[in-house]
Amino acid sequence: MVRLRQILKFFIVMCCYLPLQVVAQPVSLPATEQFTLKNKVGQDYQIMVSLPENQTPYEPMPVLYILDGNSVFAAFHDAKRMESDYADTLIVAVAYPTDKPFDFYRRSYDFSPPVLKEVNDPPQGGQDEFIDFLKNILQPEIARRYDINQERQSLYGHSFGGMFALYALYTQPTLFQHYIVSSPSLWWAHRYLMPHEQTFMKQVKGGDVSLVDKSLYLLVAEGDDVQERQDIELLADRMKALSAYGFRSAYYLQEGEDHMSLPVTIAHRVLRQAFNPRLR
């Protein structure tokens, strides 16, 4: 019996020196919420929302929609929280139901034009379906849930997402007021965007499309490929011709960054353009 008590005492003493096994919990972002929306064919999108500081804003809020939300939502949300001028604004990130920064196959389909091949890997051709999701499912749901200013809506996309944002501008210029595009893949599919751009230019100059109070902000990383930087610079030059029709456009080179690091480092700049669009 004495021996048993000694063993128990030794065990209790030793337990005091063992490290505590703390159960780790996932980090959550304050002032955010998320919900799931389905497109017309039943695929899920994870919608992440950076909420306003005031639960009842004094006036309808401007809203920034960002693509590839899995990879950039946290950076944009934190950038917004650090700037009091943007306290009563809304960021809506379109993401996919994954813990990875990208859903390679879903984004490849959503952001790309149709292809002639019967089998394509990664899948491509969903750009019009994705525009339909933004226009007829996501935007109405955001307007139902939050008090937003429907005349101050912006779209941001990077790389493949930037290519899609330009396609949206050329084919649906009234869908958003401000289009913010970083390092778009202008080379994709033998520069398939060029005919869309040319048609867009003709429509504007012919008076079929009004660009008053609309803008395009183009950004590129110093570390992007030389050809990619040149393509975007030339696009920015072509867009200057539309200033006579009320369209504001600008180009910005972010030094010291590359293609993958660019979106996080320009978060504050994108917010300024979306919520205070003076193209600086």
Protein backbone atom coordinates (compact mmCIF):
# COMPACT_ATOMS: atom_id res chain seq x y z
CA MET A 1 0.00 0.00 0.00
CA VAL A 2 2.84 2.39 0.87
CA ARG A 3 4.52 1.44 -2.36
CA LEU A 4 1.35 2.26 -4.30
CA ARG A 5 1.05 5.69 -2.65
CA GLN A 6 4.68 6.46 -3.54
CA ILE A 7 4.04 5.52 -7.15
CA LEU A 8 0.92 7.72 -7.32
CA LYS A 9 2.79 10.65 -5.73
CA PHE A 10 5.63 10.28 -8.21
CA PHE A 11 3.14 10.18 -11.10
CA ILE A 12 1.35 13.37 -9.92
CA VAL A 13 4.63 15.25 -9.48
CA MET A 14 5.84 14.26 -12.94
CA CYS A 15 2.55 15.37 -14.51
CA CYS A 16 3.17 18.88 -13.21
CA TYR A 17 6.28 19.08 -15.39
CA LEU A 18 4.69 17.74 -18.55
CA PRO A 19 3.76 20.39 -21.13
CA LEU A 20 0.07 21.13 -21.39
CA GLN A 21 -1.54 19.83 -24.54
CA VAL A 22 -3.45 22.88 -25.81
CA VAL A 23 -5.94 22.21 -28.58
CA ALA A 24 -5.23 24.69 -31.37
CA GLN A 25 -8.11 26.56 -32.93
CA PRO A 26 -8.25 28.09 -36.41
CA VAL A 27 -7.65 31.82 -36.63
CA SER A 28 -10.79 33.79 -37.49
CA LEU A 29 -11.00 37.27 -38.96
CA PRO A 30 -13.09 39.76 -36.97
CA ALA A 31 -15.80 41.75 -38.75
CA THR A 32 -16.26 39.16 -41.46
CA GLU A 33 -18.83 36.63 -42.48
CA GLN A 34 -19.23 34.09 -45.25
CA PHE A 35 -21.95 32.16 -46.98
CA THR A 36 -22.37 29.80 -49.91
CA LEU A 37 -24.05 30.58 -53.22
CA LYS A 38 -24.68 28.22 -56.11
CA ASN A 39 -24.48 29.06 -59.78
CA LYS A 40 -27.12 27.87 -62.23
CA VAL A 41 -25.54 24.44 -62.61
CA GLY A 42 -25.33 23.90 -58.85
CA GLN A 43 -21.65 24.61 -58.20
CA ASP A 44 -20.80 26.22 -54.86
CA TYR A 45 -19.00 29.52 -54.40
CA GLN A 46 -17.77 30.60 -50.99
CA ILE A 47 -18.61 34.29 -50.59
CA MET A 48 -16.42 36.08 -48.03
CA VAL A 49 -17.51 39.51 -46.81
CA SER A 50 -15.53 42.22 -45.04
CA LEU A 51 -18.22 43.99 -43.04
CA PRO A 52 -18.52 47.72 -42.28
CA GLU A 53 -17.42 49.02 -38.92
CA ASN A 54 -20.91 50.38 -38.25
CA GLN A 55 -23.63 47.77 -38.46
CA THR A 56 -26.00 50.45 -39.74
CA PRO A 57 -23.95 52.70 -42.07
CA TYR A 58 -25.05 56.30 -42.46
CA GLU A 59 -25.51 55.88 -46.20
CA PRO A 60 -25.42 53.09 -48.79
CA MET A 61 -21.94 51.57 -49.01
CA PRO A 62 -19.60 51.28 -51.97
CA VAL A 63 -18.64 47.66 -52.61
CA LEU A 64 -15.49 46.05 -54.01
CA TYR A 65 -15.76 42.58 -55.51
CA ILE A 66 -12.48 40.66 -55.63
CA LEU A 67 -11.77 37.47 -57.56
CA ASP A 68 -9.61 34.60 -56.26
CA GLY A 69 -10.85 35.42 -52.78
CA ASN A 70 -9.19 32.38 -51.19
CA SER A 71 -5.77 33.92 -51.78
CA VAL A 72 -6.29 37.64 -51.15
CA PHE A 73 -9.35 38.21 -48.97
CA ALA A 74 -7.46 38.38 -45.65
CA ALA A 75 -4.97 40.94 -47.01
CA PHE A 76 -7.69 43.17 -48.41
CA HIS A 77 -9.81 42.88 -45.27
CA ASP A 78 -6.92 43.87 -43.01
CA ALA A 79 -5.96 46.74 -45.32
CA LYS A 80 -9.53 48.05 -45.07
CA ARG A 81 -9.57 47.82 -41.26
CA MET A 82 -6.39 49.90 -41.04
CA GLU A 83 -7.87 52.84 -42.95
CA SER A 84 -10.64 54.65 -41.11
CA ASP A 85 -11.83 56.31 -44.32
CA TYR A 86 -13.03 52.91 -45.50
CA ALA A 87 -14.79 51.89 -42.29
CA ASP A 88 -18.22 51.91 -43.92
CA THR A 89 -17.40 50.02 -47.08
CA LEU A 90 -17.96 46.44 -48.16
CA ILE A 91 -15.53 43.95 -49.68
CA VAL A 92 -17.02 40.84 -51.26
CA ALA A 93 -14.60 38.08 -52.22
CA VAL A 94 -15.64 35.38 -54.64
CA ALA A 95 -13.91 32.20 -53.47
CA TYR A 96 -14.19 28.45 -53.85
CA PRO A 97 -14.91 25.82 -51.20
CA THR A 98 -11.26 24.94 -50.55
CA ASP A 99 -8.57 25.74 -47.98
CA LYS A 100 -5.98 26.19 -50.71
CA PRO A 101 -5.14 29.66 -52.09
CA PHE A 102 -6.43 28.69 -55.55
CA ASP A 103 -8.85 26.22 -57.05
CA PHE A 104 -6.88 25.79 -60.26
CA TYR A 105 -9.55 23.98 -62.27
CA ARG A 106 -12.54 26.09 -61.21
CA ARG A 107 -10.79 29.41 -61.86
CA SER A 108 -9.41 28.16 -65.17
CA TYR A 109 -12.93 27.49 -66.33
CA ASP A 110 -14.59 30.57 -64.85
CA PHE A 111 -12.12 33.13 -66.20
CA SER A 112 -11.46 31.78 -69.71
CA PRO A 113 -13.03 31.88 -73.19
CA PRO A 114 -14.49 28.86 -75.02
CA VAL A 115 -12.08 26.53 -76.82
CA LEU A 116 -12.65 24.44 -79.95
CA LYS A 117 -11.13 21.25 -78.56
CA GLU A 118 -13.57 18.63 -77.27
CA VAL A 119 -11.32 17.82 -74.31
CA ASN A 120 -9.34 20.58 -72.62
CA ASP A 121 -7.25 20.35 -69.48
CA PRO A 122 -7.52 22.49 -67.49
CA PRO A 123 -11.19 23.07 -68.36
CA GLN A 124 -11.89 26.35 -70.10
CA GLY A 125 -14.78 28.34 -71.51
CA GLY A 126 -16.86 29.52 -68.56
CA GLN A 127 -16.42 33.30 -68.73
CA ASP A 128 -20.01 34.04 -69.80
CA GLU A 129 -21.41 31.66 -67.20
CA PHE A 130 -19.35 33.38 -64.55
CA ILE A 131 -20.54 36.82 -65.66
CA ASP A 132 -24.08 35.48 -65.38
CA PHE A 133 -23.34 34.34 -61.83
CA LEU A 134 -21.97 37.77 -60.86
CA LYS A 135 -24.79 39.68 -62.51
CA ASN A 136 -27.85 37.58 -61.78
CA ILE A 137 -26.99 35.72 -58.56
CA LEU A 138 -24.20 37.37 -56.57
CA GLN A 139 -24.94 41.08 -57.05
CA PRO A 140 -28.68 40.72 -56.29
CA GLU A 141 -27.88 38.67 -53.17
CA ILE A 142 -25.39 41.28 -51.93
CA ALA A 143 -27.96 44.04 -52.56
CA ARG A 144 -30.52 42.01 -50.58
CA ARG A 145 -28.24 41.42 -47.60
CA TYR A 146 -26.51 44.81 -47.33
CA ASP A 147 -27.28 48.47 -47.90
CA ILE A 148 -25.01 49.11 -50.87
CA ASN A 149 -24.59 51.97 -53.31
CA GLN A 150 -25.29 50.31 -56.64
CA GLU A 151 -23.63 53.20 -58.46
CA ARG A 152 -20.30 52.55 -56.69
CA GLN A 153 -19.40 48.95 -57.42
CA SER A 154 -15.88 47.85 -58.38
CA LEU A 155 -14.30 44.64 -59.65
CA TYR A 156 -10.71 43.56 -59.00
CA GLY A 157 -8.91 40.64 -60.64
CA HIS A 158 -5.31 39.50 -60.95
CA SER A 159 -3.59 37.47 -63.67
CA PHE A 160 -6.25 35.14 -65.13
CA GLY A 161 -8.76 37.02 -62.98
CA GLY A 162 -7.47 40.27 -64.46
CA MET A 163 -8.02 38.88 -67.94
CA PHE A 164 -11.60 38.09 -66.97
CA ALA A 165 -12.12 41.57 -65.47
CA LEU A 166 -11.10 43.12 -68.81
CA TYR A 167 -13.49 40.80 -70.65
CA ALA A 168 -16.24 41.95 -68.29
CA LEU A 169 -15.37 45.60 -68.99
CA TYR A 170 -15.43 45.10 -72.76
CA THR A 171 -18.66 43.10 -72.84
CA GLN A 172 -20.54 44.29 -69.71
CA PRO A 173 -19.25 47.84 -69.07
CA THR A 174 -22.27 48.76 -66.95
CA LEU A 175 -21.89 45.82 -64.58
CA PHE A 176 -19.38 47.75 -62.44
CA GLN A 177 -18.29 51.37 -62.31
CA HIS A 178 -14.61 50.72 -61.67
CA TYR A 179 -12.45 47.93 -63.04
CA ILE A 180 -9.12 47.31 -61.30
CA VAL A 181 -6.81 44.90 -63.06
CA SER A 182 -3.33 43.66 -62.12
CA SER A 183 -1.02 41.70 -64.43
CA PRO A 184 -3.76 40.43 -66.75
CA SER A 185 -2.95 37.47 -69.00
CA LEU A 186 -3.30 39.43 -72.24
CA TRP A 187 -1.39 36.75 -74.16
CA TRP A 188 -3.94 34.03 -73.48
CA ALA A 189 -5.51 32.16 -76.44
CA HIS A 190 -3.61 34.12 -79.07
CA ARG A 191 -4.62 37.44 -77.48
CA TYR A 192 -8.31 36.65 -77.69
CA LEU A 193 -9.22 39.88 -75.87
CA MET A 194 -8.09 42.09 -78.76
CA PRO A 195 -11.30 41.75 -80.85
CA HIS A 196 -13.39 42.40 -77.73
CA GLU A 197 -11.33 45.49 -76.98
CA GLN A 198 -11.74 46.77 -80.54
CA THR A 199 -15.50 46.24 -80.48
CA PHE A 200 -15.68 48.00 -77.13
CA MET A 201 -13.75 50.99 -78.51
CA LYS A 202 -16.07 51.25 -81.51
CA GLN A 203 -19.17 51.11 -79.31
CA VAL A 204 -17.85 53.87 -77.07
CA LYS A 205 -16.84 56.13 -79.94
CA GLY A 206 -20.13 55.43 -81.68
CA GLY A 207 -22.12 56.52 -78.63
CA ASP A 208 -23.52 53.04 -77.89
CA VAL A 209 -21.74 52.75 -74.53
CA SER A 210 -21.41 55.52 -71.94
CA LEU A 211 -18.23 55.56 -69.87
CA VAL A 212 -19.02 58.64 -67.80
CA ASP A 213 -17.95 58.09 -64.18
CA LYS A 214 -16.27 54.80 -65.07
CA SER A 215 -12.60 53.88 -64.77
CA LEU A 216 -9.93 51.30 -65.44
CA TYR A 217 -6.84 51.04 -63.25
CA LEU A 218 -4.06 48.82 -64.62
CA LEU A 219 -1.24 47.59 -62.39
CA VAL A 220 1.78 45.43 -63.11
CA ALA A 221 4.73 44.09 -61.11
CA GLU A 222 8.31 45.00 -61.84
CA GLY A 223 9.06 41.28 -61.75
CA ASP A 224 6.45 40.35 -64.36
CA ASP A 225 7.74 39.17 -67.73
CA VAL A 226 9.02 41.96 -69.95
CA GLN A 227 6.47 41.16 -72.64
CA GLU A 228 3.65 41.18 -70.11
CA ARG A 229 4.71 44.61 -68.83
CA GLN A 230 4.92 45.97 -72.36
CA ASP A 231 1.49 44.59 -73.29
CA ILE A 232 -0.10 46.27 -70.29
CA GLU A 233 1.69 49.57 -70.95
CA LEU A 234 0.40 49.54 -74.54
CA LEU A 235 -3.13 48.75 -73.33
CA ALA A 236 -2.92 51.69 -70.94
CA ASP A 237 -1.88 53.94 -73.84
CA ARG A 238 -4.84 52.78 -75.94
CA MET A 239 -7.25 53.43 -73.09
CA LYS A 240 -6.13 57.08 -72.90
CA ALA A 241 -8.04 57.70 -76.13
CA LEU A 242 -11.29 57.14 -74.23
CA SER A 243 -10.74 60.03 -71.83
CA ALA A 244 -12.68 62.24 -74.25
CA TYR A 245 -15.71 60.06 -73.54
CA GLY A 246 -15.55 60.42 -69.75
CA PHE A 247 -13.45 57.31 -69.11
CA ARG A 248 -10.67 57.60 -66.52
CA SER A 249 -7.74 55.24 -66.84
CA ALA A 250 -4.28 54.96 -65.33
CA TYR A 251 -1.28 52.64 -65.18
CA TYR A 252 0.95 51.83 -62.22
CA LEU A 253 4.17 49.80 -61.96
CA GLN A 254 4.76 48.25 -58.54
CA GLU A 255 8.50 48.03 -57.95
CA GLY A 256 10.19 45.21 -56.09
CA GLU A 257 7.39 42.68 -56.53
CA ASP A 258 6.70 39.75 -58.83
CA HIS A 259 3.62 38.21 -60.36
CA MET A 260 2.59 36.22 -57.28
CA SER A 261 3.42 38.79 -54.60
CA LEU A 262 1.72 41.71 -56.37
CA PRO A 263 -1.92 41.30 -55.21
CA VAL A 264 -1.10 41.42 -51.49
CA THR A 265 1.25 44.39 -51.78
CA ILE A 266 -1.22 46.57 -53.71
CA ALA A 267 -4.21 46.01 -51.43
CA HIS A 268 -4.23 49.60 -50.10
CA ARG A 269 -3.85 51.02 -53.61
CA VAL A 270 -6.76 48.92 -54.91
CA LEU A 271 -8.94 50.06 -52.01
CA ARG A 272 -8.18 53.71 -52.74
CA GLN A 273 -9.23 53.25 -56.33
CA ALA A 274 -12.39 51.34 -55.45
CA PHE A 275 -13.57 53.62 -52.66
CA ASN A 276 -12.00 56.93 -53.67
CA PRO A 277 -11.38 56.57 -57.42
CA ARG A 278 -8.96 59.33 -58.29
CA LEU A 279 -6.49 57.08 -60.07
CA ARG A 280 -3.43 58.10 -58.09
